[in-house]
Amino acid sequence: MALVRYHCAICGESIDDGSQFDPCGVSIFSNLNKHESEQLEQMFFCHYECFKGSLEPGVREYLNFEDQK
């Protein structure tokens, strides 16, 4: 079995698997207004709390993993 290490794209720290939601993957899509063949996707890893903390307060309420247990 290979050892995989994740680093948070927001804080830069290692992501341990001690959290219920970590590691998280955040995908970004570019050129959404263009044809699908011109769109690009990339995934970044982060801590759930780092990602949640980076959102505007009004948007955070839509991030509800805690309510979906």
N, C-alpha and C. Protein backbone atom coordinates (compact mmCIF):
# COMPACT_ATOMS: atom_id res chain seq x y z
N MET A 1 0.84 -1.18 0.00
CA MET A 1 0.00 0.00 0.00
C MET A 1 0.89 1.24 0.00
N ALA A 2 0.59 2.20 -0.86
CA ALA A 2 1.39 3.43 -0.97
C ALA A 2 0.92 4.46 0.06
N LEU A 3 1.85 5.17 0.62
CA LEU A 3 1.54 6.24 1.56
C LEU A 3 1.26 7.51 0.76
N VAL A 4 0.08 8.06 0.93
CA VAL A 4 -0.31 9.28 0.23
C VAL A 4 -0.40 10.39 1.26
N ARG A 5 0.25 11.52 0.98
CA ARG A 5 0.20 12.68 1.86
C ARG A 5 -0.51 13.80 1.13
N TYR A 6 -1.37 14.49 1.83
CA TYR A 6 -2.09 15.63 1.28
C TYR A 6 -1.63 16.89 2.00
N HIS A 7 -1.54 17.98 1.27
CA HIS A 7 -1.22 19.28 1.85
C HIS A 7 -2.33 20.25 1.50
N CYS A 8 -2.71 21.05 2.46
CA CYS A 8 -3.81 21.99 2.30
C CYS A 8 -3.38 23.14 1.40
N ALA A 9 -4.15 23.40 0.36
CA ALA A 9 -3.87 24.50 -0.57
C ALA A 9 -4.14 25.86 0.06
N ILE A 10 -4.81 25.89 1.21
CA ILE A 10 -5.14 27.16 1.85
C ILE A 10 -4.13 27.51 2.93
N CYS A 11 -3.84 26.58 3.84
CA CYS A 11 -2.90 26.88 4.93
C CYS A 11 -1.51 26.32 4.70
N GLY A 12 -1.38 25.36 3.79
CA GLY A 12 -0.08 24.78 3.47
C GLY A 12 0.35 23.65 4.39
N GLU A 13 -0.42 23.36 5.41
CA GLU A 13 -0.08 22.30 6.36
C GLU A 13 -0.49 20.93 5.83
N SER A 14 0.09 19.88 6.41
CA SER A 14 -0.31 18.52 6.06
C SER A 14 -1.74 18.27 6.53
N ILE A 15 -2.43 17.43 5.80
CA ILE A 15 -3.79 17.07 6.17
C ILE A 15 -3.76 15.67 6.74
N ASP A 16 -4.01 15.56 8.03
CA ASP A 16 -4.10 14.26 8.68
C ASP A 16 -5.53 13.77 8.54
N ASP A 17 -5.72 12.49 8.68
CA ASP A 17 -7.06 11.95 8.52
C ASP A 17 -7.79 11.83 9.86
N GLY A 18 -7.50 12.74 10.78
CA GLY A 18 -8.15 12.72 12.08
C GLY A 18 -9.50 13.40 12.10
N SER A 19 -9.80 14.17 11.07
CA SER A 19 -11.07 14.87 11.01
C SER A 19 -12.10 14.02 10.29
N GLN A 20 -13.34 14.23 10.61
CA GLN A 20 -14.43 13.48 9.99
C GLN A 20 -14.53 13.76 8.49
N PHE A 21 -14.11 14.95 8.03
CA PHE A 21 -14.30 15.36 6.64
C PHE A 21 -13.01 15.49 5.84
N ASP A 22 -11.86 15.34 6.47
CA ASP A 22 -10.58 15.54 5.78
C ASP A 22 -10.05 14.24 5.20
N PRO A 23 -9.29 14.26 4.14
CA PRO A 23 -9.01 15.45 3.33
C PRO A 23 -10.18 15.77 2.40
N CYS A 24 -10.29 17.04 2.06
CA CYS A 24 -11.30 17.50 1.11
C CYS A 24 -10.63 17.79 -0.23
N GLY A 25 -11.39 17.68 -1.28
CA GLY A 25 -10.93 18.05 -2.61
C GLY A 25 -11.83 19.14 -3.15
N VAL A 26 -11.24 20.24 -3.56
CA VAL A 26 -11.99 21.35 -4.13
C VAL A 26 -11.62 21.45 -5.60
N SER A 27 -12.61 21.31 -6.47
CA SER A 27 -12.37 21.38 -7.91
C SER A 27 -12.69 22.77 -8.42
N ILE A 28 -11.86 23.24 -9.33
CA ILE A 28 -12.10 24.52 -9.98
C ILE A 28 -12.23 24.26 -11.47
N PHE A 29 -13.22 24.86 -12.07
CA PHE A 29 -13.48 24.71 -13.50
C PHE A 29 -13.28 26.06 -14.15
N SER A 30 -12.50 26.11 -15.20
CA SER A 30 -12.28 27.37 -15.92
C SER A 30 -13.09 27.38 -17.21
N ASN A 31 -13.29 28.57 -17.73
CA ASN A 31 -13.97 28.76 -19.01
C ASN A 31 -15.38 28.18 -19.03
N LEU A 32 -16.11 28.32 -17.94
CA LEU A 32 -17.45 27.74 -17.86
C LEU A 32 -18.40 28.29 -18.91
N ASN A 33 -18.11 29.49 -19.39
CA ASN A 33 -18.99 30.10 -20.39
C ASN A 33 -18.63 29.69 -21.81
N LYS A 34 -17.66 28.80 -21.95
CA LYS A 34 -17.22 28.35 -23.27
C LYS A 34 -17.64 26.91 -23.52
N HIS A 35 -17.41 26.45 -24.71
CA HIS A 35 -17.74 25.08 -25.09
C HIS A 35 -17.03 24.10 -24.16
N GLU A 36 -17.64 22.98 -23.90
CA GLU A 36 -17.09 21.98 -22.97
C GLU A 36 -15.67 21.57 -23.33
N SER A 37 -15.35 21.53 -24.60
CA SER A 37 -14.00 21.14 -25.03
C SER A 37 -12.95 22.17 -24.62
N GLU A 38 -13.36 23.39 -24.30
CA GLU A 38 -12.43 24.44 -23.89
C GLU A 38 -12.35 24.60 -22.38
N GLN A 39 -13.18 23.88 -21.66
CA GLN A 39 -13.19 23.97 -20.21
C GLN A 39 -12.06 23.12 -19.62
N LEU A 40 -11.53 23.58 -18.51
CA LEU A 40 -10.45 22.87 -17.82
C LEU A 40 -10.87 22.66 -16.37
N GLU A 41 -10.34 21.60 -15.75
CA GLU A 41 -10.65 21.30 -14.36
C GLU A 41 -9.37 20.94 -13.61
N GLN A 42 -9.29 21.42 -12.36
CA GLN A 42 -8.17 21.05 -11.50
C GLN A 42 -8.69 20.91 -10.09
N MET A 43 -8.15 19.93 -9.35
CA MET A 43 -8.56 19.71 -7.98
C MET A 43 -7.44 20.11 -7.03
N PHE A 44 -7.84 20.76 -5.93
CA PHE A 44 -6.92 21.13 -4.86
C PHE A 44 -7.40 20.45 -3.59
N PHE A 45 -6.47 20.06 -2.74
CA PHE A 45 -6.81 19.43 -1.47
C PHE A 45 -6.75 20.48 -0.37
N CYS A 46 -7.59 20.32 0.63
CA CYS A 46 -7.60 21.27 1.74
C CYS A 46 -8.25 20.64 2.96
N HIS A 47 -8.05 21.31 4.09
CA HIS A 47 -8.79 20.95 5.30
C HIS A 47 -10.22 21.47 5.12
N TYR A 48 -11.17 20.73 5.63
CA TYR A 48 -12.56 21.17 5.60
C TYR A 48 -12.71 22.52 6.30
N GLU A 49 -12.12 22.66 7.47
CA GLU A 49 -12.25 23.91 8.23
C GLU A 49 -11.58 25.08 7.51
N CYS A 50 -10.46 24.85 6.82
CA CYS A 50 -9.81 25.92 6.07
C CYS A 50 -10.70 26.39 4.93
N PHE A 51 -11.28 25.43 4.20
CA PHE A 51 -12.16 25.81 3.10
C PHE A 51 -13.39 26.54 3.63
N LYS A 52 -13.99 26.00 4.65
CA LYS A 52 -15.18 26.63 5.24
C LYS A 52 -14.86 28.05 5.70
N GLY A 53 -13.70 28.23 6.32
CA GLY A 53 -13.30 29.54 6.81
C GLY A 53 -12.97 30.53 5.70
N SER A 54 -12.69 30.03 4.52
CA SER A 54 -12.35 30.94 3.41
C SER A 54 -13.58 31.47 2.69
N LEU A 55 -14.74 30.93 2.99
CA LEU A 55 -15.97 31.36 2.35
C LEU A 55 -16.58 32.57 3.05
N GLU A 56 -17.31 33.35 2.30
CA GLU A 56 -18.06 34.46 2.88
C GLU A 56 -19.11 33.89 3.82
N PRO A 57 -19.42 34.59 4.92
CA PRO A 57 -20.38 34.06 5.89
C PRO A 57 -21.72 33.67 5.26
N GLY A 58 -22.22 34.42 4.30
CA GLY A 58 -23.49 34.09 3.67
C GLY A 58 -23.45 32.82 2.85
N VAL A 59 -22.26 32.44 2.38
CA VAL A 59 -22.10 31.23 1.58
C VAL A 59 -21.86 30.02 2.48
N ARG A 60 -21.24 30.24 3.62
CA ARG A 60 -20.93 29.14 4.55
C ARG A 60 -22.16 28.34 4.94
N GLU A 61 -23.30 29.00 5.01
CA GLU A 61 -24.52 28.30 5.44
C GLU A 61 -24.93 27.21 4.46
N TYR A 62 -24.46 27.28 3.21
CA TYR A 62 -24.77 26.24 2.22
C TYR A 62 -23.84 25.03 2.35
N LEU A 63 -22.73 25.19 3.06
CA LEU A 63 -21.80 24.09 3.28
C LEU A 63 -22.26 23.36 4.54
N ASN A 64 -22.99 22.30 4.37
CA ASN A 64 -23.68 21.69 5.51
C ASN A 64 -23.39 20.20 5.68
N PHE A 65 -22.15 19.81 5.53
CA PHE A 65 -21.81 18.40 5.72
C PHE A 65 -22.20 17.93 7.12
N GLU A 66 -22.07 18.80 8.11
CA GLU A 66 -22.38 18.40 9.48
C GLU A 66 -23.83 17.97 9.62
N ASP A 67 -24.73 18.58 8.83
CA ASP A 67 -26.14 18.26 8.90
C ASP A 67 -26.52 17.00 8.14
N GLN A 68 -25.60 16.45 7.36
CA GLN A 68 -25.91 15.32 6.51
C GLN A 68 -25.43 13.99 7.08
N LYS A 69 -25.03 13.97 8.33
CA LYS A 69 -24.52 12.73 8.94
C LYS A 69 -25.58 11.67 9.00
